[in-house]
Amino acid sequence: MPSEQEYQIHPIVPDSVVHNTKVLSNLQSLTASLFGVATGILGLESYNGFLVYIVLSIVTSLMFYGLQVAPESLEEGRPLLSTGRYFTSAFDFWTSGIFNGLPGFILTWTLFYGLVRV
């Protein structure tokens, strides 16, 4: 837990946290739809399709973390995998994309599966 002095030196701005969360949500929604297109074109069904979605969503979160969050966290001396300064919680950062993008993934998956396979 950061001290009061650390909050004064590096304040957490709620507007920035909301903006960061919005950017991450938009990225995850877009990539979920693209994953649905790929899964539908490949003709994957059942658990294989969901497994591809979960793996690719985790890879997307790792890439976003590695390219955007980690360099700034390491510059400030924060521990690895710390997202508290930029997002509401670490749990939301790592799992929100899987649950928020699921409806878009299923929609595009079934659409493209139907267009290609039926």
PDB file of N, CA and C in Angstrom:
ATOM      1  N   MET A   1       0.847  -1.168   0.000  1.00  0.00           N
ATOM      2  CA  MET A   1       0.000   0.000   0.000  1.00  0.00           C
ATOM      3  C   MET A   1       0.896   1.236   0.000  1.00  0.00           C
ATOM      4  N   PRO A   2       0.700   2.133  -0.971  1.00  0.00           N
ATOM      5  CA  PRO A   2       1.523   3.340  -1.040  1.00  0.00           C
ATOM      6  C   PRO A   2       1.257   4.274   0.144  1.00  0.00           C
ATOM      7  N   SER A   3       2.277   5.012   0.513  1.00  0.00           N
ATOM      8  CA  SER A   3       2.146   5.955   1.623  1.00  0.00           C
ATOM      9  C   SER A   3       1.554   7.273   1.127  1.00  0.00           C
ATOM     10  N   GLU A   4       1.192   8.114   2.068  1.00  0.00           N
ATOM     11  CA  GLU A   4       0.624   9.421   1.730  1.00  0.00           C
ATOM     12  C   GLU A   4       1.633  10.272   0.961  1.00  0.00           C
ATOM     13  N   GLN A   5       2.893  10.165   1.329  1.00  0.00           N
ATOM     14  CA  GLN A   5       3.929  10.932   0.644  1.00  0.00           C
ATOM     15  C   GLN A   5       4.063  10.486  -0.813  1.00  0.00           C
ATOM     16  N   GLU A   6       3.958   9.191  -1.052  1.00  0.00           N
ATOM     17  CA  GLU A   6       4.056   8.689  -2.429  1.00  0.00           C
ATOM     18  C   GLU A   6       2.870   9.168  -3.266  1.00  0.00           C
ATOM     19  N   TYR A   7       1.673   9.217  -2.658  1.00  0.00           N
ATOM     20  CA  TYR A   7       0.517   9.746  -3.377  1.00  0.00           C
ATOM     21  C   TYR A   7       0.690  11.229  -3.711  1.00  0.00           C
ATOM     22  N   GLN A   8       1.379  11.974  -2.851  1.00  0.00           N
ATOM     23  CA  GLN A   8       1.616  13.379  -3.136  1.00  0.00           C
ATOM     24  C   GLN A   8       2.646  13.554  -4.240  1.00  0.00           C
ATOM     25  N   ILE A   9       3.635  12.691  -4.282  1.00  0.00           N
ATOM     26  CA  ILE A   9       4.667  12.774  -5.318  1.00  0.00           C
ATOM     27  C   ILE A   9       4.126  12.284  -6.656  1.00  0.00           C
ATOM     28  N   HIS A  10       3.425  11.138  -6.652  1.00  0.00           N
ATOM     29  CA  HIS A  10       2.852  10.544  -7.865  1.00  0.00           C
ATOM     30  C   HIS A  10       1.353  10.342  -7.652  1.00  0.00           C
ATOM     31  N   PRO A  11       0.540  11.381  -7.859  1.00  0.00           N
ATOM     32  CA  PRO A  11      -0.890  11.236  -7.597  1.00  0.00           C
ATOM     33  C   PRO A  11      -1.579  10.344  -8.637  1.00  0.00           C
ATOM     34  N   ILE A  12      -2.608   9.641  -8.185  1.00  0.00           N
ATOM     35  CA  ILE A  12      -3.433   8.842  -9.082  1.00  0.00           C
ATOM     36  C   ILE A  12      -4.602   9.723  -9.508  1.00  0.00           C
ATOM     37  N   VAL A  13      -4.710   9.964 -10.802  1.00  0.00           N
ATOM     38  CA  VAL A  13      -5.747  10.832 -11.333  1.00  0.00           C
ATOM     39  C   VAL A  13      -6.905   9.955 -11.815  1.00  0.00           C
ATOM     40  N   PRO A  14      -8.088  10.076 -11.204  1.00  0.00           N
ATOM     41  CA  PRO A  14      -9.208   9.206 -11.584  1.00  0.00           C
ATOM     42  C   PRO A  14      -9.577   9.294 -13.067  1.00  0.00           C
ATOM     43  N   ASP A  15      -9.473  10.483 -13.654  1.00  0.00           N
ATOM     44  CA  ASP A  15      -9.787  10.623 -15.074  1.00  0.00           C
ATOM     45  C   ASP A  15      -8.833   9.794 -15.935  1.00  0.00           C
ATOM     46  N   SER A  16      -7.580   9.741 -15.551  1.00  0.00           N
ATOM     47  CA  SER A  16      -6.610   8.947 -16.296  1.00  0.00           C
ATOM     48  C   SER A  16      -6.878   7.456 -16.152  1.00  0.00           C
ATOM     49  N   VAL A  17      -7.275   7.027 -14.960  1.00  0.00           N
ATOM     50  CA  VAL A  17      -7.604   5.620 -14.743  1.00  0.00           C
ATOM     51  C   VAL A  17      -8.812   5.227 -15.594  1.00  0.00           C
ATOM     52  N   VAL A  18      -9.818   6.095 -15.653  1.00  0.00           N
ATOM     53  CA  VAL A  18     -11.007   5.829 -16.478  1.00  0.00           C
ATOM     54  C   VAL A  18     -10.613   5.769 -17.947  1.00  0.00           C
ATOM     55  N   HIS A  19      -9.776   6.688 -18.391  1.00  0.00           N
ATOM     56  CA  HIS A  19      -9.313   6.691 -19.782  1.00  0.00           C
ATOM     57  C   HIS A  19      -8.542   5.411 -20.105  1.00  0.00           C
ATOM     58  N   ASN A  20      -7.645   5.005 -19.229  1.00  0.00           N
ATOM     59  CA  ASN A  20      -6.868   3.782 -19.452  1.00  0.00           C
ATOM     60  C   ASN A  20      -7.773   2.564 -19.540  1.00  0.00           C
ATOM     61  N   THR A  21      -8.760   2.490 -18.666  1.00  0.00           N
ATOM     62  CA  THR A  21      -9.694   1.371 -18.675  1.00  0.00           C
ATOM     63  C   THR A  21     -10.507   1.357 -19.960  1.00  0.00           C
ATOM     64  N   LYS A  22     -10.902   2.538 -20.433  1.00  0.00           N
ATOM     65  CA  LYS A  22     -11.668   2.636 -21.673  1.00  0.00           C
ATOM     66  C   LYS A  22     -10.835   2.192 -22.874  1.00  0.00           C
ATOM     67  N   VAL A  23      -9.589   2.600 -22.927  1.00  0.00           N
ATOM     68  CA  VAL A  23      -8.699   2.202 -24.024  1.00  0.00           C
ATOM     69  C   VAL A  23      -8.506   0.688 -24.023  1.00  0.00           C
ATOM     70  N   LEU A  24      -8.269   0.110 -22.858  1.00  0.00           N
ATOM     71  CA  LEU A  24      -8.085  -1.333 -22.757  1.00  0.00           C
ATOM     72  C   LEU A  24      -9.358  -2.076 -23.159  1.00  0.00           C
ATOM     73  N   SER A  25     -10.508  -1.582 -22.734  1.00  0.00           N
ATOM     74  CA  SER A  25     -11.779  -2.220 -23.077  1.00  0.00           C
ATOM     75  C   SER A  25     -12.027  -2.175 -24.583  1.00  0.00           C
ATOM     76  N   ASN A  26     -11.742  -1.043 -25.211  1.00  0.00           N
ATOM     77  CA  ASN A  26     -11.914  -0.931 -26.664  1.00  0.00           C
ATOM     78  C   ASN A  26     -10.987  -1.898 -27.406  1.00  0.00           C
ATOM     79  N   LEU A  27      -9.743  -1.991 -26.965  1.00  0.00           N
ATOM     80  CA  LEU A  27      -8.794  -2.910 -27.581  1.00  0.00           C
ATOM     81  C   LEU A  27      -9.273  -4.349 -27.443  1.00  0.00           C
ATOM     82  N   GLN A  28      -9.730  -4.722 -26.265  1.00  0.00           N
ATOM     83  CA  GLN A  28     -10.156  -6.097 -26.040  1.00  0.00           C
ATOM     84  C   GLN A  28     -11.441  -6.429 -26.791  1.00  0.00           C
ATOM     85  N   SER A  29     -12.341  -5.483 -26.936  1.00  0.00           N
ATOM     86  CA  SER A  29     -13.555  -5.732 -27.712  1.00  0.00           C
ATOM     87  C   SER A  29     -13.231  -5.923 -29.188  1.00  0.00           C
ATOM     88  N   LEU A  30     -12.343  -5.092 -29.707  1.00  0.00           N
ATOM     89  CA  LEU A  30     -11.948  -5.212 -31.109  1.00  0.00           C
ATOM     90  C   LEU A  30     -11.227  -6.523 -31.366  1.00  0.00           C
ATOM     91  N   THR A  31     -10.291  -6.875 -30.509  1.00  0.00           N
ATOM     92  CA  THR A  31      -9.548  -8.117 -30.728  1.00  0.00           C
ATOM     93  C   THR A  31     -10.444  -9.337 -30.523  1.00  0.00           C
ATOM     94  N   ALA A  32     -11.426  -9.264 -29.629  1.00  0.00           N
ATOM     95  CA  ALA A  32     -12.347 -10.388 -29.446  1.00  0.00           C
ATOM     96  C   ALA A  32     -13.129 -10.649 -30.725  1.00  0.00           C
ATOM     97  N   SER A  33     -13.559  -9.591 -31.394  1.00  0.00           N
ATOM     98  CA  SER A  33     -14.262  -9.767 -32.661  1.00  0.00           C
ATOM     99  C   SER A  33     -13.335 -10.350 -33.723  1.00  0.00           C
ATOM    100  N   LEU A  34     -12.106  -9.887 -33.767  1.00  0.00           N
ATOM    101  CA  LEU A  34     -11.146 -10.441 -34.725  1.00  0.00           C
ATOM    102  C   LEU A  34     -10.839 -11.906 -34.425  1.00  0.00           C
ATOM    103  N   PHE A  35     -10.767 -12.256 -33.154  1.00  0.00           N
ATOM    104  CA  PHE A  35     -10.555 -13.658 -32.787  1.00  0.00           C
ATOM    105  C   PHE A  35     -11.757 -14.494 -33.209  1.00  0.00           C
ATOM    106  N   GLY A  36     -12.955 -13.939 -33.114  1.00  0.00           N
ATOM    107  CA  GLY A  36     -14.156 -14.647 -33.558  1.00  0.00           C
ATOM    108  C   GLY A  36     -14.142 -14.884 -35.057  1.00  0.00           C
ATOM    109  N   VAL A  37     -13.693 -13.886 -35.809  1.00  0.00           N
ATOM    110  CA  VAL A  37     -13.573 -14.049 -37.264  1.00  0.00           C
ATOM    111  C   VAL A  37     -12.596 -15.174 -37.581  1.00  0.00           C
ATOM    112  N   ALA A  38     -11.444 -15.165 -36.948  1.00  0.00           N
ATOM    113  CA  ALA A  38     -10.428 -16.190 -37.208  1.00  0.00           C
ATOM    114  C   ALA A  38     -10.927 -17.576 -36.813  1.00  0.00           C
ATOM    115  N   THR A  39     -11.575 -17.667 -35.670  1.00  0.00           N
ATOM    116  CA  THR A  39     -12.062 -18.957 -35.201  1.00  0.00           C
ATOM    117  C   THR A  39     -13.167 -19.487 -36.104  1.00  0.00           C
ATOM    118  N   GLY A  40     -14.045 -18.610 -36.577  1.00  0.00           N
ATOM    119  CA  GLY A  40     -15.110 -19.027 -37.484  1.00  0.00           C
ATOM    120  C   GLY A  40     -14.582 -19.473 -38.833  1.00  0.00           C
ATOM    121  N   ILE A  41     -13.608 -18.746 -39.365  1.00  0.00           N
ATOM    122  CA  ILE A  41     -13.025 -19.119 -40.654  1.00  0.00           C
ATOM    123  C   ILE A  41     -12.281 -20.444 -40.549  1.00  0.00           C
ATOM    124  N   LEU A  42     -11.601 -20.663 -39.428  1.00  0.00           N
ATOM    125  CA  LEU A  42     -10.895 -21.932 -39.230  1.00  0.00           C
ATOM    126  C   LEU A  42     -11.851 -23.099 -38.986  1.00  0.00           C
ATOM    127  N   GLY A  43     -13.097 -22.798 -38.697  1.00  0.00           N
ATOM    128  CA  GLY A  43     -14.099 -23.839 -38.495  1.00  0.00           C
ATOM    129  C   GLY A  43     -13.996 -24.544 -37.164  1.00  0.00           C
ATOM    130  N   LEU A  44     -13.442 -23.889 -36.172  1.00  0.00           N
ATOM    131  CA  LEU A  44     -13.324 -24.508 -34.855  1.00  0.00           C
ATOM    132  C   LEU A  44     -14.684 -24.557 -34.173  1.00  0.00           C
ATOM    133  N   GLU A  45     -14.904 -25.611 -33.423  1.00  0.00           N
ATOM    134  CA  GLU A  45     -16.177 -25.790 -32.733  1.00  0.00           C
ATOM    135  C   GLU A  45     -15.943 -26.064 -31.254  1.00  0.00           C
ATOM    136  N   SER A  46     -16.957 -25.814 -30.468  1.00  0.00           N
ATOM    137  CA  SER A  46     -17.029 -26.176 -29.060  1.00  0.00           C
ATOM    138  C   SER A  46     -15.839 -25.663 -28.248  1.00  0.00           C
ATOM    139  N   TYR A  47     -15.230 -26.559 -27.472  1.00  0.00           N
ATOM    140  CA  TYR A  47     -14.177 -26.154 -26.545  1.00  0.00           C
ATOM    141  C   TYR A  47     -12.939 -25.637 -27.257  1.00  0.00           C
ATOM    142  N   ASN A  48     -12.665 -26.131 -28.437  1.00  0.00           N
ATOM    143  CA  ASN A  48     -11.483 -25.660 -29.169  1.00  0.00           C
ATOM    144  C   ASN A  48     -11.588 -24.168 -29.483  1.00  0.00           C
ATOM    145  N   GLY A  49     -12.769 -23.713 -29.882  1.00  0.00           N
ATOM    146  CA  GLY A  49     -12.973 -22.300 -30.181  1.00  0.00           C
ATOM    147  C   GLY A  49     -12.822 -21.432 -28.940  1.00  0.00           C
ATOM    148  N   PHE A  50     -13.397 -21.875 -27.836  1.00  0.00           N
ATOM    149  CA  PHE A  50     -13.281 -21.107 -26.596  1.00  0.00           C
ATOM    150  C   PHE A  50     -11.850 -21.113 -26.064  1.00  0.00           C
ATOM    151  N   LEU A  51     -11.165 -22.218 -26.238  1.00  0.00           N
ATOM    152  CA  LEU A  51      -9.765 -22.297 -25.806  1.00  0.00           C
ATOM    153  C   LEU A  51      -8.906 -21.318 -26.600  1.00  0.00           C
ATOM    154  N   VAL A  52      -9.134 -21.248 -27.911  1.00  0.00           N
ATOM    155  CA  VAL A  52      -8.405 -20.283 -28.738  1.00  0.00           C
ATOM    156  C   VAL A  52      -8.686 -18.862 -28.258  1.00  0.00           C
ATOM    157  N   TYR A  53      -9.943 -18.568 -27.964  1.00  0.00           N
ATOM    158  CA  TYR A  53     -10.308 -17.234 -27.495  1.00  0.00           C
ATOM    159  C   TYR A  53      -9.622 -16.887 -26.177  1.00  0.00           C
ATOM    160  N   ILE A  54      -9.633 -17.802 -25.231  1.00  0.00           N
ATOM    161  CA  ILE A  54      -9.025 -17.531 -23.925  1.00  0.00           C
ATOM    162  C   ILE A  54      -7.522 -17.334 -24.058  1.00  0.00           C
ATOM    163  N   VAL A  55      -6.869 -18.191 -24.824  1.00  0.00           N
ATOM    164  CA  VAL A  55      -5.415 -18.074 -25.001  1.00  0.00           C
ATOM    165  C   VAL A  55      -5.064 -16.756 -25.690  1.00  0.00           C
ATOM    166  N   LEU A  56      -5.780 -16.417 -26.760  1.00  0.00           N
ATOM    167  CA  LEU A  56      -5.472 -15.173 -27.474  1.00  0.00           C
ATOM    168  C   LEU A  56      -5.803 -13.940 -26.638  1.00  0.00           C
ATOM    169  N   SER A  57      -6.822 -14.006 -25.802  1.00  0.00           N
ATOM    170  CA  SER A  57      -7.140 -12.878 -24.921  1.00  0.00           C
ATOM    171  C   SER A  57      -6.045 -12.663 -23.888  1.00  0.00           C
ATOM    172  N   ILE A  58      -5.515 -13.764 -23.358  1.00  0.00           N
ATOM    173  CA  ILE A  58      -4.418 -13.658 -22.390  1.00  0.00           C
ATOM    174  C   ILE A  58      -3.173 -13.111 -23.070  1.00  0.00           C
ATOM    175  N   VAL A  59      -2.900 -13.559 -24.289  1.00  0.00           N
ATOM    176  CA  VAL A  59      -1.745 -13.044 -25.039  1.00  0.00           C
ATOM    177  C   VAL A  59      -1.913 -11.546 -25.308  1.00  0.00           C
ATOM    178  N   THR A  60      -3.130 -11.122 -25.649  1.00  0.00           N
ATOM    179  CA  THR A  60      -3.380  -9.692 -25.879  1.00  0.00           C
ATOM    180  C   THR A  60      -3.143  -8.885 -24.607  1.00  0.00           C
ATOM    181  N   SER A  61      -3.610  -9.378 -23.474  1.00  0.00           N
ATOM    182  CA  SER A  61      -3.386  -8.670 -22.203  1.00  0.00           C
ATOM    183  C   SER A  61      -1.899  -8.601 -21.873  1.00  0.00           C
ATOM    184  N   LEU A  62      -1.192  -9.704 -22.107  1.00  0.00           N
ATOM    185  CA  LEU A  62       0.256  -9.710 -21.852  1.00  0.00           C
ATOM    186  C   LEU A  62       0.988  -8.727 -22.764  1.00  0.00           C
ATOM    187  N   MET A  63       0.589  -8.672 -24.029  1.00  0.00           N
ATOM    188  CA  MET A  63       1.233  -7.730 -24.955  1.00  0.00           C
ATOM    189  C   MET A  63       0.944  -6.286 -24.562  1.00  0.00           C
ATOM    190  N   PHE A  64      -0.306  -5.997 -24.197  1.00  0.00           N
ATOM    191  CA  PHE A  64      -0.654  -4.646 -23.773  1.00  0.00           C
ATOM    192  C   PHE A  64       0.129  -4.268 -22.521  1.00  0.00           C
ATOM    193  N   TYR A  65       0.210  -5.211 -21.582  1.00  0.00           N
ATOM    194  CA  TYR A  65       0.972  -4.948 -20.369  1.00  0.00           C
ATOM    195  C   TYR A  65       2.445  -4.715 -20.699  1.00  0.00           C
ATOM    196  N   GLY A  66       3.014  -5.575 -21.531  1.00  0.00           N
ATOM    197  CA  GLY A  66       4.434  -5.471 -21.856  1.00  0.00           C
ATOM    198  C   GLY A  66       4.797  -4.218 -22.627  1.00  0.00           C
ATOM    199  N   LEU A  67       3.889  -3.753 -23.474  1.00  0.00           N
ATOM    200  CA  LEU A  67       4.192  -2.586 -24.296  1.00  0.00           C
ATOM    201  C   LEU A  67       3.807  -1.259 -23.645  1.00  0.00           C
ATOM    202  N   GLN A  68       2.782  -1.255 -22.806  1.00  0.00           N
ATOM    203  CA  GLN A  68       2.286   0.004 -22.259  1.00  0.00           C
ATOM    204  C   GLN A  68       2.523   0.179 -20.760  1.00  0.00           C
ATOM    205  N   VAL A  69       2.229  -0.825 -19.980  1.00  0.00           N
ATOM    206  CA  VAL A  69       2.232  -0.670 -18.525  1.00  0.00           C
ATOM    207  C   VAL A  69       3.602  -0.958 -17.919  1.00  0.00           C
ATOM    208  N   ALA A  70       4.227  -2.047 -18.319  1.00  0.00           N
ATOM    209  CA  ALA A  70       5.491  -2.467 -17.697  1.00  0.00           C
ATOM    210  C   ALA A  70       6.609  -1.445 -17.806  1.00  0.00           C
ATOM    211  N   PRO A  71       6.845  -0.833 -18.985  1.00  0.00           N
ATOM    212  CA  PRO A  71       7.951   0.125 -19.044  1.00  0.00           C
ATOM    213  C   PRO A  71       7.798   1.285 -18.061  1.00  0.00           C
ATOM    214  N   GLU A  72       6.578   1.796 -17.916  1.00  0.00           N
ATOM    215  CA  GLU A  72       6.365   2.910 -16.994  1.00  0.00           C
ATOM    216  C   GLU A  72       6.452   2.450 -15.539  1.00  0.00           C
ATOM    217  N   SER A  73       5.966   1.236 -15.259  1.00  0.00           N
ATOM    218  CA  SER A  73       6.044   0.718 -13.888  1.00  0.00           C
ATOM    219  C   SER A  73       7.486   0.493 -13.472  1.00  0.00           C
ATOM    220  N   LEU A  74       8.279  -0.050 -14.370  1.00  0.00           N
ATOM    221  CA  LEU A  74       9.679  -0.320 -14.054  1.00  0.00           C
ATOM    222  C   LEU A  74      10.478   0.963 -13.881  1.00  0.00           C
ATOM    223  N   GLU A  75      10.126   2.008 -14.643  1.00  0.00           N
ATOM    224  CA  GLU A  75      10.798   3.299 -14.486  1.00  0.00           C
ATOM    225  C   GLU A  75      10.565   3.872 -13.094  1.00  0.00           C
ATOM    226  N   GLU A  76       9.372   3.648 -12.567  1.00  0.00           N
ATOM    227  CA  GLU A  76       9.024   4.195 -11.250  1.00  0.00           C
ATOM    228  C   GLU A  76       9.431   3.276 -10.115  1.00  0.00           C
ATOM    229  N   GLY A  77      10.009   2.125 -10.428  1.00  0.00           N
ATOM    230  CA  GLY A  77      10.445   1.206  -9.392  1.00  0.00           C
ATOM    231  C   GLY A  77       9.333   0.377  -8.792  1.00  0.00           C
ATOM    232  N   ARG A  78       8.249   0.212  -9.488  1.00  0.00           N
ATOM    233  CA  ARG A  78       7.129  -0.591  -8.999  1.00  0.00           C
ATOM    234  C   ARG A  78       7.414  -2.068  -9.264  1.00  0.00           C
ATOM    235  N   PRO A  79       6.774  -2.954  -8.488  1.00  0.00           N
ATOM    236  CA  PRO A  79       6.993  -4.384  -8.711  1.00  0.00           C
ATOM    237  C   PRO A  79       6.416  -4.832 -10.053  1.00  0.00           C
ATOM    238  N   LEU A  80       6.967  -5.913 -10.570  1.00  0.00           N
ATOM    239  CA  LEU A  80       6.503  -6.472 -11.830  1.00  0.00           C
ATOM    240  C   LEU A  80       5.052  -6.926 -11.680  1.00  0.00           C
ATOM    241  N   LEU A  81       4.271  -6.776 -12.732  1.00  0.00           N
ATOM    242  CA  LEU A  81       2.841  -7.098 -12.791  1.00  0.00           C
ATOM    243  C   LEU A  81       1.981  -6.192 -11.926  1.00  0.00           C
ATOM    244  N   SER A  82       2.472  -5.032 -11.559  1.00  0.00           N
ATOM    245  CA  SER A  82       1.702  -4.064 -10.793  1.00  0.00           C
ATOM    246  C   SER A  82       0.935  -3.161 -11.757  1.00  0.00           C
ATOM    247  N   THR A  83      -0.391  -3.138 -11.639  1.00  0.00           N
ATOM    248  CA  THR A  83      -1.213  -2.304 -12.512  1.00  0.00           C
ATOM    249  C   THR A  83      -2.054  -1.307 -11.733  1.00  0.00           C
ATOM    250  N   GLY A  84      -1.911  -1.265 -10.424  1.00  0.00           N
ATOM    251  CA  GLY A  84      -2.764  -0.449  -9.565  1.00  0.00           C
ATOM    252  C   GLY A  84      -2.708   1.041  -9.835  1.00  0.00           C
ATOM    253  N   ARG A  85      -1.609   1.517 -10.351  1.00  0.00           N
ATOM    254  CA  ARG A  85      -1.484   2.950 -10.601  1.00  0.00           C
ATOM    255  C   ARG A  85      -2.231   3.385 -11.864  1.00  0.00           C
ATOM    256  N   TYR A  86      -2.457   2.465 -12.783  1.00  0.00           N
ATOM    257  CA  TYR A  86      -3.031   2.818 -14.075  1.00  0.00           C
ATOM    258  C   TYR A  86      -4.442   2.292 -14.287  1.00  0.00           C
ATOM    259  N   PHE A  87      -4.858   1.300 -13.501  1.00  0.00           N
ATOM    260  CA  PHE A  87      -6.177   0.686 -13.642  1.00  0.00           C
ATOM    261  C   PHE A  87      -6.794   0.502 -12.267  1.00  0.00           C
ATOM    262  N   THR A  88      -8.109   0.231 -12.235  1.00  0.00           N
ATOM    263  CA  THR A  88      -8.805   0.131 -10.955  1.00  0.00           C
ATOM    264  C   THR A  88      -8.273  -1.017 -10.105  1.00  0.00           C
ATOM    265  N   SER A  89      -8.012  -2.170 -10.705  1.00  0.00           N
ATOM    266  CA  SER A  89      -7.425  -3.278  -9.958  1.00  0.00           C
ATOM    267  C   SER A  89      -6.722  -4.221 -10.927  1.00  0.00           C
ATOM    268  N   ALA A  90      -5.816  -5.010 -10.406  1.00  0.00           N
ATOM    269  CA  ALA A  90      -5.082  -5.958 -11.247  1.00  0.00           C
ATOM    270  C   ALA A  90      -6.015  -7.046 -11.763  1.00  0.00           C
ATOM    271  N   PHE A  91      -6.978  -7.461 -10.950  1.00  0.00           N
ATOM    272  CA  PHE A  91      -7.924  -8.488 -11.383  1.00  0.00           C
ATOM    273  C   PHE A  91      -8.724  -8.016 -12.596  1.00  0.00           C
ATOM    274  N   ASP A  92      -9.195  -6.770 -12.561  1.00  0.00           N
ATOM    275  CA  ASP A  92      -9.930  -6.221 -13.703  1.00  0.00           C
ATOM    276  C   ASP A  92      -9.051  -6.139 -14.948  1.00  0.00           C
ATOM    277  N   PHE A  93      -7.808  -5.769 -14.765  1.00  0.00           N
ATOM    278  CA  PHE A  93      -6.907  -5.652 -15.909  1.00  0.00           C
ATOM    279  C   PHE A  93      -6.734  -6.996 -16.601  1.00  0.00           C
ATOM    280  N   TRP A  94      -6.499  -8.049 -15.830  1.00  0.00           N
ATOM    281  CA  TRP A  94      -6.168  -9.345 -16.416  1.00  0.00           C
ATOM    282  C   TRP A  94      -7.380 -10.142 -16.866  1.00  0.00           C
ATOM    283  N   THR A  95      -8.564  -9.924 -16.287  1.00  0.00           N
ATOM    284  CA  THR A  95      -9.712 -10.770 -16.618  1.00  0.00           C
ATOM    285  C   THR A  95     -10.865 -10.057 -17.316  1.00  0.00           C
ATOM    286  N   SER A  96     -10.910  -8.749 -17.281  1.00  0.00           N
ATOM    287  CA  SER A  96     -12.064  -8.051 -17.856  1.00  0.00           C
ATOM    288  C   SER A  96     -12.173  -8.280 -19.360  1.00  0.00           C
ATOM    289  N   GLY A  97     -11.058  -8.400 -20.042  1.00  0.00           N
ATOM    290  CA  GLY A  97     -11.103  -8.602 -21.489  1.00  0.00           C
ATOM    291  C   GLY A  97     -11.732  -9.919 -21.872  1.00  0.00           C
ATOM    292  N   ILE A  98     -11.505 -10.936 -21.070  1.00  0.00           N
ATOM    293  CA  ILE A  98     -12.076 -12.250 -21.380  1.00  0.00           C
ATOM    294  C   ILE A  98     -13.596 -12.202 -21.257  1.00  0.00           C
ATOM    295  N   PHE A  99     -14.099 -11.570 -20.218  1.00  0.00           N
ATOM    296  CA  PHE A  99     -15.540 -11.561 -19.994  1.00  0.00           C
ATOM    297  C   PHE A  99     -16.254 -10.487 -20.810  1.00  0.00           C
ATOM    298  N   ASN A 100     -15.655  -9.331 -20.993  1.00  0.00           N
ATOM    299  CA  ASN A 100     -16.311  -8.264 -21.741  1.00  0.00           C
ATOM    300  C   ASN A 100     -16.338  -8.528 -23.238  1.00  0.00           C
ATOM    301  N   GLY A 101     -15.346  -9.221 -23.762  1.00  0.00           N
ATOM    302  CA  GLY A 101     -15.291  -9.479 -25.189  1.00  0.00           C
ATOM    303  C   GLY A 101     -15.994 -10.744 -25.621  1.00  0.00           C
ATOM    304  N   LEU A 102     -16.461 -11.542 -24.677  1.00  0.00           N
ATOM    305  CA  LEU A 102     -17.064 -12.829 -25.000  1.00  0.00           C
ATOM    306  C   LEU A 102     -18.297 -12.725 -25.906  1.00  0.00           C
ATOM    307  N   PRO A 103     -19.244 -11.814 -25.656  1.00  0.00           N
ATOM    308  CA  PRO A 103     -20.403 -11.737 -26.564  1.00  0.00           C
ATOM    309  C   PRO A 103     -20.014 -11.380 -28.006  1.00  0.00           C
ATOM    310  N   GLY A 104     -19.096 -10.451 -28.178  1.00  0.00           N
ATOM    311  CA  GLY A 104     -18.648 -10.093 -29.528  1.00  0.00           C
ATOM    312  C   GLY A 104     -17.924 -11.241 -30.208  1.00  0.00           C
ATOM    313  N   PHE A 105     -17.146 -11.988 -29.416  1.00  0.00           N
ATOM    314  CA  PHE A 105     -16.447 -13.149 -29.963  1.00  0.00           C
ATOM    315  C   PHE A 105     -17.439 -14.193 -30.454  1.00  0.00           C
ATOM    316  N   ILE A 106     -18.432 -14.517 -29.634  1.00  0.00           N
ATOM    317  CA  ILE A 106     -19.409 -15.536 -30.014  1.00  0.00           C
ATOM    318  C   ILE A 106     -20.205 -15.090 -31.231  1.00  0.00           C
ATOM    319  N   LEU A 107     -20.562 -13.830 -31.278  1.00  0.00           N
ATOM    320  CA  LEU A 107     -21.331 -13.308 -32.412  1.00  0.00           C
ATOM    321  C   LEU A 107     -20.557 -13.446 -33.718  1.00  0.00           C
ATOM    322  N   THR A 108     -19.320 -12.981 -33.741  1.00  0.00           N
ATOM    323  CA  THR A 108     -18.549 -13.055 -34.978  1.00  0.00           C
ATOM    324  C   THR A 108     -18.109 -14.479 -35.282  1.00  0.00           C
ATOM    325  N   TRP A 109     -17.879 -15.282 -34.270  1.00  0.00           N
ATOM    326  CA  TRP A 109     -17.510 -16.682 -34.466  1.00  0.00           C
ATOM    327  C   TRP A 109     -18.637 -17.420 -35.197  1.00  0.00           C
ATOM    328  N   THR A 110     -19.865 -17.290 -34.692  1.00  0.00           N
ATOM    329  CA  THR A 110     -20.982 -17.990 -35.319  1.00  0.00           C
ATOM    330  C   THR A 110     -21.304 -17.419 -36.692  1.00  0.00           C
ATOM    331  N   LEU A 111     -21.168 -16.112 -36.858  1.00  0.00           N
ATOM    332  CA  LEU A 111     -21.425 -15.499 -38.162  1.00  0.00           C
ATOM    333  C   LEU A 111     -20.467 -16.035 -39.219  1.00  0.00           C
ATOM    334  N   PHE A 112     -19.179 -15.987 -38.938  1.00  0.00           N
ATOM    335  CA  PHE A 112     -18.204 -16.413 -39.928  1.00  0.00           C
ATOM    336  C   PHE A 112     -18.179 -17.925 -40.085  1.00  0.00           C
ATOM    337  N   TYR A 113     -18.481 -18.657 -39.044  1.00  0.00           N
ATOM    338  CA  TYR A 113     -18.596 -20.110 -39.181  1.00  0.00           C
ATOM    339  C   TYR A 113     -19.741 -20.441 -40.132  1.00  0.00           C
ATOM    340  N   GLY A 114     -20.857 -19.749 -39.962  1.00  0.00           N
ATOM    341  CA  GLY A 114     -22.006 -19.958 -40.844  1.00  0.00           C
ATOM    342  C   GLY A 114     -21.742 -19.538 -42.271  1.00  0.00           C
ATOM    343  N   LEU A 115     -21.001 -18.447 -42.462  1.00  0.00           N
ATOM    344  CA  LEU A 115     -20.719 -17.984 -43.823  1.00  0.00           C
ATOM    345  C   LEU A 115     -19.747 -18.916 -44.553  1.00  0.00           C
ATOM    346  N   VAL A 116     -18.790 -19.457 -43.838  1.00  0.00           N
ATOM    347  CA  VAL A 116     -17.760 -20.262 -44.480  1.00  0.00           C
ATOM    348  C   VAL A 116     -18.155 -21.731 -44.571  1.00  0.00           C
ATOM    349  N   ARG A 117     -18.733 -22.268 -43.531  1.00  0.00           N
ATOM    350  CA  ARG A 117     -18.952 -23.718 -43.449  1.00  0.00           C
ATOM    351  C   ARG A 117     -20.323 -24.173 -43.913  1.00  0.00           C
ATOM    352  N   VAL A 118     -21.318 -23.333 -43.853  1.00  0.00           N
ATOM    353  CA  VAL A 118     -22.675 -23.800 -44.197  1.00  0.00           C
ATOM    354  C   VAL A 118     -23.041 -23.448 -45.606  1.00  0.00           C
TER     355      VAL A 118
END
